[in-house]
Amino acid sequence: MAHARSLSFLASRCVRLRRMSLQNLLLTWALRRWIKPKSLRNQDVAASRALTGRVPFGAKLLPGWRIRIEQEAAVRGEWLEPKALDHPARMRCILYFHGGAYVAMSARTHRSLTSRLASWSDSSLFALDYRLAPEHPFPAALDDALAAYRAVIAAGTPASRVVVAGDSAGGGLALALLLTLRDAGVPLPAAAVLFSPWTDLGATGLSIVDNNLADALLFGPYVAELARHYLGDTPATNPFTSPVYADLTGLPPLLIQVSDSEVLLDDSCRVHVNARRAGVEARLDVWRRLPHGWQVFAPILPEGRAALRDAAAFIQARFRSLGH
């Protein structure tokens, strides 16, 4: 159970208290039984990559859509887009950053999420394969994210037709990109969608301890251990590695989704509070007893599909509000 202080942040927010699906009960049991214990036994990067690099689910593409691999040296990743050059979805872009603690996973591992988010938002999506730590510590991932954003804009998509999104470390990276763009005076995207963003690499949130057992996938101490690979010599309080410490003034609207049983719950709650205090339009949706990154399990998890439908509706509503 999350700490009372954490839950007080959520009192007036959207808390999804629907009954757990059978699929979630089975998935949570399986993750807790077979995956979570490995995070304590295998704390090296190679083991993390081997564990998370498997792709249990493929993309779900609408008829007429495709995956196009981008291997240009400066910006690597993959496009999920309509084949027709005149399709309306090509006028809008979601720039997506995958999770994996900055050390693992890829655009490919997240196709079950990105393909649905793209098609349900009726927007093209570019999933960036940013450089991974420890071979490439901070600010490599942020530099790659900035390069990808500039490439999307240079290709002809205006900032008002772009949404940035990401899960876990990718959610923190999306926020860091927004801060970088704001500070540089670069036009900001229309909105950001953050799935359980990792925003405090110092692991100081109360939920790191309070949800240590409740979290189906992650142990709190493992989160702090992984952070050192990306941080290198950078302090964990640097706002571009840990946006929870940043002034969020001037950012575009944010949608944050998180589960009440995650060790990263407070990473979302604190960013939401900071954003609202800074005058940023921010919505926090807290879902009940779901594993970290549950949107990736959309092929088998009703809650994963529902969360992505909500995110897609948010993106479409934001574009409509800007006349797109």
C-alpha atoms as a PDB file:
ATOM      1  CA  MET A   1       0.000   0.000   0.000  1.00  0.00           C
ATOM      2  CA  ALA A   2       1.365   3.414  -0.892  1.00  0.00           C
ATOM      3  CA  HIS A   3       2.212   5.771   1.955  1.00  0.00           C
ATOM      4  CA  ALA A   4      -0.632   8.004   3.177  1.00  0.00           C
ATOM      5  CA  ARG A   5       1.389  11.075   2.301  1.00  0.00           C
ATOM      6  CA  SER A   6       1.660   9.843  -1.287  1.00  0.00           C
ATOM      7  CA  LEU A   7      -2.038   9.111  -1.537  1.00  0.00           C
ATOM      8  CA  SER A   8      -2.904  12.570  -0.208  1.00  0.00           C
ATOM      9  CA  PHE A   9      -1.500  13.944  -3.461  1.00  0.00           C
ATOM     10  CA  LEU A  10      -4.139  11.971  -5.317  1.00  0.00           C
ATOM     11  CA  ALA A  11      -7.267  12.872  -3.386  1.00  0.00           C
ATOM     12  CA  SER A  12      -8.768  15.061  -6.097  1.00  0.00           C
ATOM     13  CA  ARG A  13      -7.295  13.175  -9.043  1.00  0.00           C
ATOM     14  CA  CYS A  14      -8.524  10.352 -11.252  1.00  0.00           C
ATOM     15  CA  VAL A  15      -7.896   7.105  -9.375  1.00  0.00           C
ATOM     16  CA  ARG A  16      -8.823   4.002 -11.333  1.00  0.00           C
ATOM     17  CA  LEU A  17     -10.262   1.645  -8.719  1.00  0.00           C
ATOM     18  CA  ARG A  18     -11.855  -0.843 -11.108  1.00  0.00           C
ATOM     19  CA  ARG A  19     -11.750  -4.493 -10.153  1.00  0.00           C
ATOM     20  CA  MET A  20      -8.548  -6.240 -11.202  1.00  0.00           C
ATOM     21  CA  SER A  21      -8.914  -8.368 -14.303  1.00  0.00           C
ATOM     22  CA  LEU A  22      -8.084 -12.046 -14.186  1.00  0.00           C
ATOM     23  CA  GLN A  23      -5.319 -11.359 -16.692  1.00  0.00           C
ATOM     24  CA  ASN A  24      -3.766  -8.825 -14.323  1.00  0.00           C
ATOM     25  CA  LEU A  25      -3.943 -11.229 -11.394  1.00  0.00           C
ATOM     26  CA  LEU A  26      -2.131 -13.890 -13.416  1.00  0.00           C
ATOM     27  CA  LEU A  27       0.412 -11.469 -14.888  1.00  0.00           C
ATOM     28  CA  THR A  28       1.203  -9.942 -11.505  1.00  0.00           C
ATOM     29  CA  TRP A  29       1.683 -13.394  -9.990  1.00  0.00           C
ATOM     30  CA  ALA A  30       3.996 -14.449 -12.819  1.00  0.00           C
ATOM     31  CA  LEU A  31       6.118 -11.295 -12.661  1.00  0.00           C
ATOM     32  CA  ARG A  32       6.442 -11.519  -8.903  1.00  0.00           C
ATOM     33  CA  ARG A  33       7.283 -15.231  -9.064  1.00  0.00           C
ATOM     34  CA  TRP A  34       9.795 -15.329 -11.936  1.00  0.00           C
ATOM     35  CA  ILE A  35      10.961 -11.839 -12.942  1.00  0.00           C
ATOM     36  CA  LYS A  36      11.174  -9.677  -9.826  1.00  0.00           C
ATOM     37  CA  PRO A  37      13.531 -12.021  -7.904  1.00  0.00           C
ATOM     38  CA  LYS A  38      16.027 -11.904 -10.764  1.00  0.00           C
ATOM     39  CA  SER A  39      16.502  -8.183 -10.222  1.00  0.00           C
ATOM     40  CA  LEU A  40      18.192  -8.949  -6.917  1.00  0.00           C
ATOM     41  CA  ARG A  41      20.289 -11.853  -8.191  1.00  0.00           C
ATOM     42  CA  ASN A  42      21.367 -10.215 -11.464  1.00  0.00           C
ATOM     43  CA  GLN A  43      22.201  -6.570 -10.948  1.00  0.00           C
ATOM     44  CA  ASP A  44      24.752  -6.213 -13.756  1.00  0.00           C
ATOM     45  CA  VAL A  45      23.853  -4.516 -17.028  1.00  0.00           C
ATOM     46  CA  ALA A  46      24.363  -7.585 -19.207  1.00  0.00           C
ATOM     47  CA  ALA A  47      21.866  -9.553 -17.129  1.00  0.00           C
ATOM     48  CA  SER A  48      19.381  -6.690 -17.229  1.00  0.00           C
ATOM     49  CA  ARG A  49      19.642  -6.501 -21.006  1.00  0.00           C
ATOM     50  CA  ALA A  50      19.213 -10.245 -21.393  1.00  0.00           C
ATOM     51  CA  LEU A  51      16.171 -10.240 -19.122  1.00  0.00           C
ATOM     52  CA  THR A  52      14.420  -7.268 -20.711  1.00  0.00           C
ATOM     53  CA  GLY A  53      15.538  -7.673 -24.312  1.00  0.00           C
ATOM     54  CA  ARG A  54      13.106 -10.446 -25.139  1.00  0.00           C
ATOM     55  CA  VAL A  55      10.118  -9.391 -27.198  1.00  0.00           C
ATOM     56  CA  PRO A  56       7.094 -11.425 -26.078  1.00  0.00           C
ATOM     57  CA  PHE A  57       4.622  -9.343 -28.090  1.00  0.00           C
ATOM     58  CA  GLY A  58       4.695  -7.954 -31.595  1.00  0.00           C
ATOM     59  CA  ALA A  59       3.275  -4.809 -33.115  1.00  0.00           C
ATOM     60  CA  LYS A  60      -0.418  -4.427 -33.830  1.00  0.00           C
ATOM     61  CA  LEU A  61      -0.552  -2.531 -37.104  1.00  0.00           C
ATOM     62  CA  LEU A  62      -3.678  -1.280 -38.780  1.00  0.00           C
ATOM     63  CA  PRO A  63      -4.151  -2.209 -42.448  1.00  0.00           C
ATOM     64  CA  GLY A  64      -2.054   0.175 -44.509  1.00  0.00           C
ATOM     65  CA  TRP A  65       0.442   0.883 -41.703  1.00  0.00           C
ATOM     66  CA  ARG A  66       4.085  -0.199 -41.545  1.00  0.00           C
ATOM     67  CA  ILE A  67       7.241  -0.216 -39.455  1.00  0.00           C
ATOM     68  CA  ARG A  68      10.118   1.625 -41.106  1.00  0.00           C
ATOM     69  CA  ILE A  69      13.561   1.280 -39.537  1.00  0.00           C
ATOM     70  CA  GLU A  70      15.621   4.484 -39.386  1.00  0.00           C
ATOM     71  CA  GLN A  71      19.343   3.765 -39.247  1.00  0.00           C
ATOM     72  CA  GLU A  72      20.782   7.203 -39.896  1.00  0.00           C
ATOM     73  CA  ALA A  73      23.811   7.651 -37.676  1.00  0.00           C
ATOM     74  CA  ALA A  74      22.481  10.725 -35.859  1.00  0.00           C
ATOM     75  CA  VAL A  75      18.963   9.442 -35.181  1.00  0.00           C
ATOM     76  CA  ARG A  76      18.294   5.717 -34.890  1.00  0.00           C
ATOM     77  CA  GLY A  77      14.928   4.154 -34.233  1.00  0.00           C
ATOM     78  CA  GLU A  78      11.795   3.123 -36.049  1.00  0.00           C
ATOM     79  CA  TRP A  79       8.742   4.771 -37.546  1.00  0.00           C
ATOM     80  CA  LEU A  80       5.238   3.406 -37.167  1.00  0.00           C
ATOM     81  CA  GLU A  81       3.340   5.151 -39.920  1.00  0.00           C
ATOM     82  CA  PRO A  82       0.777   4.813 -42.693  1.00  0.00           C
ATOM     83  CA  LYS A  83       2.162   3.702 -46.031  1.00  0.00           C
ATOM     84  CA  ALA A  84       0.109   6.313 -47.891  1.00  0.00           C
ATOM     85  CA  LEU A  85       1.953   9.614 -48.076  1.00  0.00           C
ATOM     86  CA  ASP A  86      -1.316  11.569 -47.979  1.00  0.00           C
ATOM     87  CA  HIS A  87      -2.684   9.847 -44.855  1.00  0.00           C
ATOM     88  CA  PRO A  88      -3.779  12.411 -42.205  1.00  0.00           C
ATOM     89  CA  ALA A  89      -1.720  10.631 -39.510  1.00  0.00           C
ATOM     90  CA  ARG A  90       1.448  11.752 -41.283  1.00  0.00           C
ATOM     91  CA  MET A  91       0.599  15.327 -40.327  1.00  0.00           C
ATOM     92  CA  ARG A  92       1.062  14.501 -36.626  1.00  0.00           C
ATOM     93  CA  CYS A  93       3.926  12.810 -34.784  1.00  0.00           C
ATOM     94  CA  ILE A  94       4.454  11.135 -31.432  1.00  0.00           C
ATOM     95  CA  LEU A  95       8.128  11.079 -30.433  1.00  0.00           C
ATOM     96  CA  TYR A  96       8.493   8.080 -28.108  1.00  0.00           C
ATOM     97  CA  PHE A  97      11.276   7.192 -25.650  1.00  0.00           C
ATOM     98  CA  HIS A  98      11.364   3.614 -24.348  1.00  0.00           C
ATOM     99  CA  GLY A  99      12.012   2.590 -20.770  1.00  0.00           C
ATOM    100  CA  GLY A 100      14.704   0.284 -19.450  1.00  0.00           C
ATOM    101  CA  ALA A 101      16.526   2.315 -16.776  1.00  0.00           C
ATOM    102  CA  TYR A 102      18.660   3.960 -19.501  1.00  0.00           C
ATOM    103  CA  VAL A 103      20.653   0.718 -19.769  1.00  0.00           C
ATOM    104  CA  ALA A 104      18.371  -1.705 -21.617  1.00  0.00           C
ATOM    105  CA  MET A 105      15.432  -2.271 -23.995  1.00  0.00           C
ATOM    106  CA  SER A 106      14.798  -0.599 -27.332  1.00  0.00           C
ATOM    107  CA  ALA A 107      12.224   0.687 -29.768  1.00  0.00           C
ATOM    108  CA  ARG A 108      11.651  -2.924 -30.832  1.00  0.00           C
ATOM    109  CA  THR A 109      10.822  -4.173 -27.325  1.00  0.00           C
ATOM    110  CA  HIS A 110       8.028  -1.606 -27.059  1.00  0.00           C
ATOM    111  CA  ARG A 111       6.196  -2.266 -30.306  1.00  0.00           C
ATOM    112  CA  SER A 112       3.161  -3.682 -28.499  1.00  0.00           C
ATOM    113  CA  LEU A 113       2.753  -0.244 -26.896  1.00  0.00           C
ATOM    114  CA  THR A 114       3.908   2.104 -29.632  1.00  0.00           C
ATOM    115  CA  SER A 115       1.922   0.472 -32.427  1.00  0.00           C
ATOM    116  CA  ARG A 116      -1.330   0.824 -30.503  1.00  0.00           C
ATOM    117  CA  LEU A 117      -0.592   4.340 -29.310  1.00  0.00           C
ATOM    118  CA  ALA A 118       0.169   5.437 -32.872  1.00  0.00           C
ATOM    119  CA  SER A 119      -2.856   3.887 -34.540  1.00  0.00           C
ATOM    120  CA  TRP A 120      -5.319   4.789 -31.776  1.00  0.00           C
ATOM    121  CA  SER A 121      -4.024   8.385 -31.778  1.00  0.00           C
ATOM    122  CA  ASP A 122      -4.146   8.468 -35.586  1.00  0.00           C
ATOM    123  CA  SER A 123      -0.593   9.817 -35.537  1.00  0.00           C
ATOM    124  CA  SER A 124       2.717   8.669 -36.917  1.00  0.00           C
ATOM    125  CA  LEU A 125       5.168   7.658 -34.199  1.00  0.00           C
ATOM    126  CA  PHE A 126       8.949   7.660 -34.075  1.00  0.00           C
ATOM    127  CA  ALA A 127      10.443   5.438 -31.353  1.00  0.00           C
ATOM    128  CA  LEU A 128      14.015   6.533 -30.674  1.00  0.00           C
ATOM    129  CA  ASP A 129      16.844   4.084 -30.008  1.00  0.00           C
ATOM    130  CA  TYR A 130      18.891   6.422 -27.849  1.00  0.00           C
ATOM    131  CA  ARG A 131      22.372   5.447 -26.721  1.00  0.00           C
ATOM    132  CA  LEU A 132      22.436   3.356 -23.549  1.00  0.00           C
ATOM    133  CA  ALA A 133      24.461   3.582 -20.356  1.00  0.00           C
ATOM    134  CA  PRO A 134      26.922   2.732 -18.941  1.00  0.00           C
ATOM    135  CA  GLU A 135      28.705   2.906 -22.297  1.00  0.00           C
ATOM    136  CA  HIS A 136      26.987   6.253 -22.882  1.00  0.00           C
ATOM    137  CA  PRO A 137      26.075   7.974 -19.606  1.00  0.00           C
ATOM    138  CA  PHE A 138      24.261  11.288 -19.186  1.00  0.00           C
ATOM    139  CA  PRO A 139      23.823  13.423 -21.249  1.00  0.00           C
ATOM    140  CA  ALA A 140      23.976  10.981 -24.194  1.00  0.00           C
ATOM    141  CA  ALA A 141      20.297   9.949 -24.076  1.00  0.00           C
ATOM    142  CA  LEU A 142      19.186  13.564 -23.728  1.00  0.00           C
ATOM    143  CA  ASP A 143      21.423  14.650 -26.608  1.00  0.00           C
ATOM    144  CA  ASP A 144      19.863  11.920 -28.771  1.00  0.00           C
ATOM    145  CA  ALA A 145      16.349  12.935 -27.752  1.00  0.00           C
ATOM    146  CA  LEU A 146      17.070  16.540 -28.681  1.00  0.00           C
ATOM    147  CA  ALA A 147      18.528  15.467 -32.025  1.00  0.00           C
ATOM    148  CA  ALA A 148      15.436  13.366 -32.743  1.00  0.00           C
ATOM    149  CA  TYR A 149      13.103  16.251 -31.911  1.00  0.00           C
ATOM    150  CA  ARG A 150      15.043  18.627 -34.139  1.00  0.00           C
ATOM    151  CA  ALA A 151      14.970  16.033 -36.941  1.00  0.00           C
ATOM    152  CA  VAL A 152      11.190  15.684 -36.701  1.00  0.00           C
ATOM    153  CA  ILE A 153      10.767  19.462 -36.866  1.00  0.00           C
ATOM    154  CA  ALA A 154      13.277  19.788 -39.707  1.00  0.00           C
ATOM    155  CA  ALA A 155      11.355  17.144 -41.679  1.00  0.00           C
ATOM    156  CA  GLY A 156       8.347  19.451 -41.753  1.00  0.00           C
ATOM    157  CA  THR A 157       6.230  18.622 -38.706  1.00  0.00           C
ATOM    158  CA  PRO A 158       5.635  21.794 -36.647  1.00  0.00           C
ATOM    159  CA  ALA A 159       6.040  21.603 -32.881  1.00  0.00           C
ATOM    160  CA  SER A 160       2.294  22.053 -32.356  1.00  0.00           C
ATOM    161  CA  ARG A 161       1.753  18.749 -34.177  1.00  0.00           C
ATOM    162  CA  VAL A 162       4.231  16.810 -32.028  1.00  0.00           C
ATOM    163  CA  VAL A 163       3.631  15.005 -28.730  1.00  0.00           C
ATOM    164  CA  VAL A 164       6.498  13.507 -26.739  1.00  0.00           C
ATOM    165  CA  ALA A 165       5.892  10.361 -24.733  1.00  0.00           C
ATOM    166  CA  GLY A 166       7.774   7.704 -22.823  1.00  0.00           C
ATOM    167  CA  ASP A 167       7.650   5.072 -20.110  1.00  0.00           C
ATOM    168  CA  SER A 168       9.804   4.743 -17.010  1.00  0.00           C
ATOM    169  CA  ALA A 169      13.262   6.106 -17.904  1.00  0.00           C
ATOM    170  CA  GLY A 170      11.768   7.236 -21.213  1.00  0.00           C
ATOM    171  CA  GLY A 171       9.183   9.251 -19.325  1.00  0.00           C
ATOM    172  CA  GLY A 172      11.908  11.004 -17.374  1.00  0.00           C
ATOM    173  CA  LEU A 173      13.776  11.587 -20.632  1.00  0.00           C
ATOM    174  CA  ALA A 174      10.664  13.148 -22.187  1.00  0.00           C
ATOM    175  CA  LEU A 175      10.464  15.617 -19.293  1.00  0.00           C
ATOM    176  CA  ALA A 176      14.189  16.376 -19.529  1.00  0.00           C
ATOM    177  CA  LEU A 177      13.743  17.107 -23.229  1.00  0.00           C
ATOM    178  CA  LEU A 178      10.917  19.542 -22.494  1.00  0.00           C
ATOM    179  CA  LEU A 179      13.129  21.370 -19.989  1.00  0.00           C
ATOM    180  CA  THR A 180      15.980  21.525 -22.510  1.00  0.00           C
ATOM    181  CA  LEU A 181      13.722  22.894 -25.238  1.00  0.00           C
ATOM    182  CA  ARG A 182      12.186  25.473 -22.905  1.00  0.00           C
ATOM    183  CA  ASP A 183      15.551  26.705 -21.668  1.00  0.00           C
ATOM    184  CA  ALA A 184      16.845  26.967 -25.240  1.00  0.00           C
ATOM    185  CA  GLY A 185      13.808  28.914 -26.413  1.00  0.00           C
ATOM    186  CA  VAL A 186      12.868  26.195 -28.910  1.00  0.00           C
ATOM    187  CA  PRO A 187       9.123  25.801 -29.671  1.00  0.00           C
ATOM    188  CA  LEU A 188       7.642  23.185 -27.356  1.00  0.00           C
ATOM    189  CA  PRO A 189       5.565  20.192 -28.444  1.00  0.00           C
ATOM    190  CA  ALA A 190       1.804  20.142 -27.976  1.00  0.00           C
ATOM    191  CA  ALA A 191       1.854  17.850 -24.921  1.00  0.00           C
ATOM    192  CA  ALA A 192       3.623  15.017 -23.149  1.00  0.00           C
ATOM    193  CA  VAL A 193       2.373  11.569 -22.131  1.00  0.00           C
ATOM    194  CA  LEU A 194       4.306   9.904 -19.314  1.00  0.00           C
ATOM    195  CA  PHE A 195       3.824   6.270 -18.309  1.00  0.00           C
ATOM    196  CA  SER A 196       5.219   5.719 -14.775  1.00  0.00           C
ATOM    197  CA  PRO A 197       8.062   8.168 -15.422  1.00  0.00           C
ATOM    198  CA  TRP A 198      11.356   7.712 -13.570  1.00  0.00           C
ATOM    199  CA  THR A 199      11.921  11.275 -12.432  1.00  0.00           C
ATOM    200  CA  ASP A 200      14.065  10.894  -9.300  1.00  0.00           C
ATOM    201  CA  LEU A 201      17.280   8.979  -9.872  1.00  0.00           C
ATOM    202  CA  GLY A 202      18.140   9.665  -6.261  1.00  0.00           C
ATOM    203  CA  ALA A 203      15.330   7.279  -5.271  1.00  0.00           C
ATOM    204  CA  THR A 204      14.122   9.493  -2.429  1.00  0.00           C
ATOM    205  CA  GLY A 205      10.376   8.959  -2.856  1.00  0.00           C
ATOM    206  CA  LEU A 206       8.492   7.361   0.010  1.00  0.00           C
ATOM    207  CA  SER A 207       7.030   4.756  -2.325  1.00  0.00           C
ATOM    208  CA  ILE A 208      10.529   3.380  -3.015  1.00  0.00           C
ATOM    209  CA  VAL A 209      10.311   1.881   0.475  1.00  0.00           C
ATOM    210  CA  ASP A 210       6.570   1.658   1.053  1.00  0.00           C
ATOM    211  CA  ASN A 211       5.844  -0.210  -2.200  1.00  0.00           C
ATOM    212  CA  ASN A 212       8.961  -2.360  -2.145  1.00  0.00           C
ATOM    213  CA  LEU A 213       6.923  -5.514  -1.607  1.00  0.00           C
ATOM    214  CA  ALA A 214       3.727  -4.415  -3.363  1.00  0.00           C
ATOM    215  CA  ASP A 215       5.441  -3.674  -6.678  1.00  0.00           C
ATOM    216  CA  ALA A 216       5.125  -6.747  -8.905  1.00  0.00           C
ATOM    217  CA  LEU A 217       8.235  -6.025 -10.958  1.00  0.00           C
ATOM    218  CA  LEU A 218      10.791  -3.833  -9.182  1.00  0.00           C
ATOM    219  CA  PHE A 219      12.512  -3.692  -5.813  1.00  0.00           C
ATOM    220  CA  GLY A 220      13.199  -0.190  -4.535  1.00  0.00           C
ATOM    221  CA  PRO A 221      16.928  -0.757  -3.888  1.00  0.00           C
ATOM    222  CA  TYR A 222      17.352  -2.075  -7.448  1.00  0.00           C
ATOM    223  CA  VAL A 223      16.100   1.253  -8.819  1.00  0.00           C
ATOM    224  CA  ALA A 224      18.794   3.189  -6.996  1.00  0.00           C
ATOM    225  CA  GLU A 225      21.447   0.673  -8.056  1.00  0.00           C
ATOM    226  CA  LEU A 226      20.598   1.047 -11.740  1.00  0.00           C
ATOM    227  CA  ALA A 227      20.645   4.851 -11.585  1.00  0.00           C
ATOM    228  CA  ARG A 228      24.408   5.012 -11.125  1.00  0.00           C
ATOM    229  CA  HIS A 229      25.020   3.645 -14.627  1.00  0.00           C
ATOM    230  CA  TYR A 230      23.336   6.612 -16.275  1.00  0.00           C
ATOM    231  CA  LEU A 231      24.399   9.234 -13.755  1.00  0.00           C
ATOM    232  CA  GLY A 232      28.133   8.594 -13.852  1.00  0.00           C
ATOM    233  CA  ASP A 233      29.586  11.585 -12.015  1.00  0.00           C
ATOM    234  CA  THR A 234      26.405  13.655 -12.385  1.00  0.00           C
ATOM    235  CA  PRO A 235      24.514  14.378  -9.137  1.00  0.00           C
ATOM    236  CA  ALA A 236      21.152  12.651  -8.875  1.00  0.00           C
ATOM    237  CA  THR A 237      19.602  16.036  -8.119  1.00  0.00           C
ATOM    238  CA  ASN A 238      20.470  17.405 -11.561  1.00  0.00           C
ATOM    239  CA  PRO A 239      17.059  18.394 -12.996  1.00  0.00           C
ATOM    240  CA  PHE A 240      17.966  17.002 -16.423  1.00  0.00           C
ATOM    241  CA  THR A 241      18.502  13.535 -14.964  1.00  0.00           C
ATOM    242  CA  SER A 242      15.839  13.859 -12.253  1.00  0.00           C
ATOM    243  CA  PRO A 243      13.110  16.268 -13.427  1.00  0.00           C
ATOM    244  CA  VAL A 244      11.383  16.035 -10.050  1.00  0.00           C
ATOM    245  CA  TYR A 245      13.909  18.671  -8.941  1.00  0.00           C
ATOM    246  CA  ALA A 246      13.198  20.992 -11.878  1.00  0.00           C
ATOM    247  CA  ASP A 247      11.151  24.152 -12.184  1.00  0.00           C
ATOM    248  CA  LEU A 248       8.424  22.994 -14.593  1.00  0.00           C
ATOM    249  CA  THR A 249       7.118  26.455 -15.432  1.00  0.00           C
ATOM    250  CA  GLY A 250       6.110  26.860 -19.055  1.00  0.00           C
ATOM    251  CA  LEU A 251       5.801  23.196 -19.978  1.00  0.00           C
ATOM    252  CA  PRO A 252       2.931  21.984 -22.198  1.00  0.00           C
ATOM    253  CA  PRO A 253       0.041  19.869 -20.834  1.00  0.00           C
ATOM    254  CA  LEU A 254       1.055  16.579 -19.217  1.00  0.00           C
ATOM    255  CA  LEU A 255      -0.745  13.257 -18.862  1.00  0.00           C
ATOM    256  CA  ILE A 256       0.802  10.958 -16.259  1.00  0.00           C
ATOM    257  CA  GLN A 257      -0.262   7.347 -15.717  1.00  0.00           C
ATOM    258  CA  VAL A 258       1.038   5.285 -12.800  1.00  0.00           C
ATOM    259  CA  SER A 259      -0.060   2.376 -10.603  1.00  0.00           C
ATOM    260  CA  ASP A 260      -0.665   2.772  -6.884  1.00  0.00           C
ATOM    261  CA  SER A 261       1.525  -0.267  -6.142  1.00  0.00           C
ATOM    262  CA  GLU A 262       4.681   0.893  -7.959  1.00  0.00           C
ATOM    263  CA  VAL A 263       7.913   1.864  -6.242  1.00  0.00           C
ATOM    264  CA  LEU A 264       7.963   4.800  -8.688  1.00  0.00           C
ATOM    265  CA  LEU A 265       4.531   6.057  -7.591  1.00  0.00           C
ATOM    266  CA  ASP A 266       5.995   9.124  -5.876  1.00  0.00           C
ATOM    267  CA  ASP A 267       8.071   9.957  -8.955  1.00  0.00           C
ATOM    268  CA  SER A 268       4.761  10.615 -10.707  1.00  0.00           C
ATOM    269  CA  CYS A 269       2.944  12.194  -7.771  1.00  0.00           C
ATOM    270  CA  ARG A 270       5.689  14.700  -7.010  1.00  0.00           C
ATOM    271  CA  VAL A 271       6.057  15.767 -10.650  1.00  0.00           C
ATOM    272  CA  HIS A 272       2.304  16.221 -10.867  1.00  0.00           C
ATOM    273  CA  VAL A 273       2.246  18.423  -7.759  1.00  0.00           C
ATOM    274  CA  ASN A 274       5.243  20.434  -8.983  1.00  0.00           C
ATOM    275  CA  ALA A 275       3.656  20.912 -12.383  1.00  0.00           C
ATOM    276  CA  ARG A 276       0.371  22.162 -10.958  1.00  0.00           C
ATOM    277  CA  ARG A 277       2.193  24.538  -8.622  1.00  0.00           C
ATOM    278  CA  ALA A 278       4.084  25.907 -11.637  1.00  0.00           C
ATOM    279  CA  GLY A 279       0.832  26.570 -13.478  1.00  0.00           C
ATOM    280  CA  VAL A 280       1.207  23.643 -15.881  1.00  0.00           C
ATOM    281  CA  GLU A 281      -1.915  21.811 -17.013  1.00  0.00           C
ATOM    282  CA  ALA A 282      -1.290  18.318 -15.653  1.00  0.00           C
ATOM    283  CA  ARG A 283      -3.469  15.244 -15.233  1.00  0.00           C
ATOM    284  CA  LEU A 284      -2.501  12.311 -13.029  1.00  0.00           C
ATOM    285  CA  ASP A 285      -4.254   8.965 -13.513  1.00  0.00           C
ATOM    286  CA  VAL A 286      -3.482   6.429 -10.798  1.00  0.00           C
ATOM    287  CA  TRP A 287      -4.433   2.852 -11.625  1.00  0.00           C
ATOM    288  CA  ARG A 288      -4.948   0.093  -9.088  1.00  0.00           C
ATOM    289  CA  ARG A 289      -2.454  -2.721  -8.454  1.00  0.00           C
ATOM    290  CA  LEU A 290      -0.858  -2.927 -11.876  1.00  0.00           C
ATOM    291  CA  PRO A 291       2.782  -3.761 -12.664  1.00  0.00           C
ATOM    292  CA  HIS A 292       5.263  -1.139 -13.744  1.00  0.00           C
ATOM    293  CA  GLY A 293       4.984  -0.553 -17.484  1.00  0.00           C
ATOM    294  CA  TRP A 294       1.673  -2.381 -17.760  1.00  0.00           C
ATOM    295  CA  GLN A 295       0.889  -0.637 -21.055  1.00  0.00           C
ATOM    296  CA  VAL A 296       3.505  -2.872 -22.748  1.00  0.00           C
ATOM    297  CA  PHE A 297       1.335  -5.869 -21.863  1.00  0.00           C
ATOM    298  CA  ALA A 298      -1.622  -4.505 -23.840  1.00  0.00           C
ATOM    299  CA  PRO A 299      -1.891  -7.648 -26.019  1.00  0.00           C
ATOM    300  CA  ILE A 300      -2.919  -9.707 -22.978  1.00  0.00           C
ATOM    301  CA  LEU A 301      -3.967  -7.083 -20.425  1.00  0.00           C
ATOM    302  CA  PRO A 302      -7.308  -5.223 -20.630  1.00  0.00           C
ATOM    303  CA  GLU A 303      -5.941  -2.490 -18.366  1.00  0.00           C
ATOM    304  CA  GLY A 304      -3.023  -2.004 -20.745  1.00  0.00           C
ATOM    305  CA  ARG A 305      -5.354  -1.450 -23.676  1.00  0.00           C
ATOM    306  CA  ALA A 306      -7.588   0.843 -21.628  1.00  0.00           C
ATOM    307  CA  ALA A 307      -4.620   2.963 -20.515  1.00  0.00           C
ATOM    308  CA  LEU A 308      -3.396   3.348 -24.091  1.00  0.00           C
ATOM    309  CA  ARG A 309      -6.908   4.241 -25.258  1.00  0.00           C
ATOM    310  CA  ASP A 310      -7.000   6.968 -22.598  1.00  0.00           C
ATOM    311  CA  ALA A 311      -3.588   8.249 -23.669  1.00  0.00           C
ATOM    312  CA  ALA A 312      -4.635   8.254 -27.325  1.00  0.00           C
ATOM    313  CA  ALA A 313      -7.809  10.188 -26.477  1.00  0.00           C
ATOM    314  CA  PHE A 314      -5.706  12.753 -24.576  1.00  0.00           C
ATOM    315  CA  ILE A 315      -3.385  13.172 -27.571  1.00  0.00           C
ATOM    316  CA  GLN A 316      -6.236  13.539 -30.032  1.00  0.00           C
ATOM    317  CA  ALA A 317      -8.023  16.042 -27.798  1.00  0.00           C
ATOM    318  CA  ARG A 318      -4.845  18.115 -27.492  1.00  0.00           C
ATOM    319  CA  PHE A 319      -4.331  18.182 -31.253  1.00  0.00           C
ATOM    320  CA  ARG A 320      -7.985  19.148 -31.792  1.00  0.00           C
ATOM    321  CA  SER A 321      -7.648  21.997 -29.302  1.00  0.00           C
ATOM    322  CA  LEU A 322      -4.806  23.380 -31.427  1.00  0.00           C
ATOM    323  CA  GLY A 323      -6.788  23.059 -34.638  1.00  0.00           C
ATOM    324  CA  HIS A 324      -5.108  19.875 -35.864  1.00  0.00           C
END
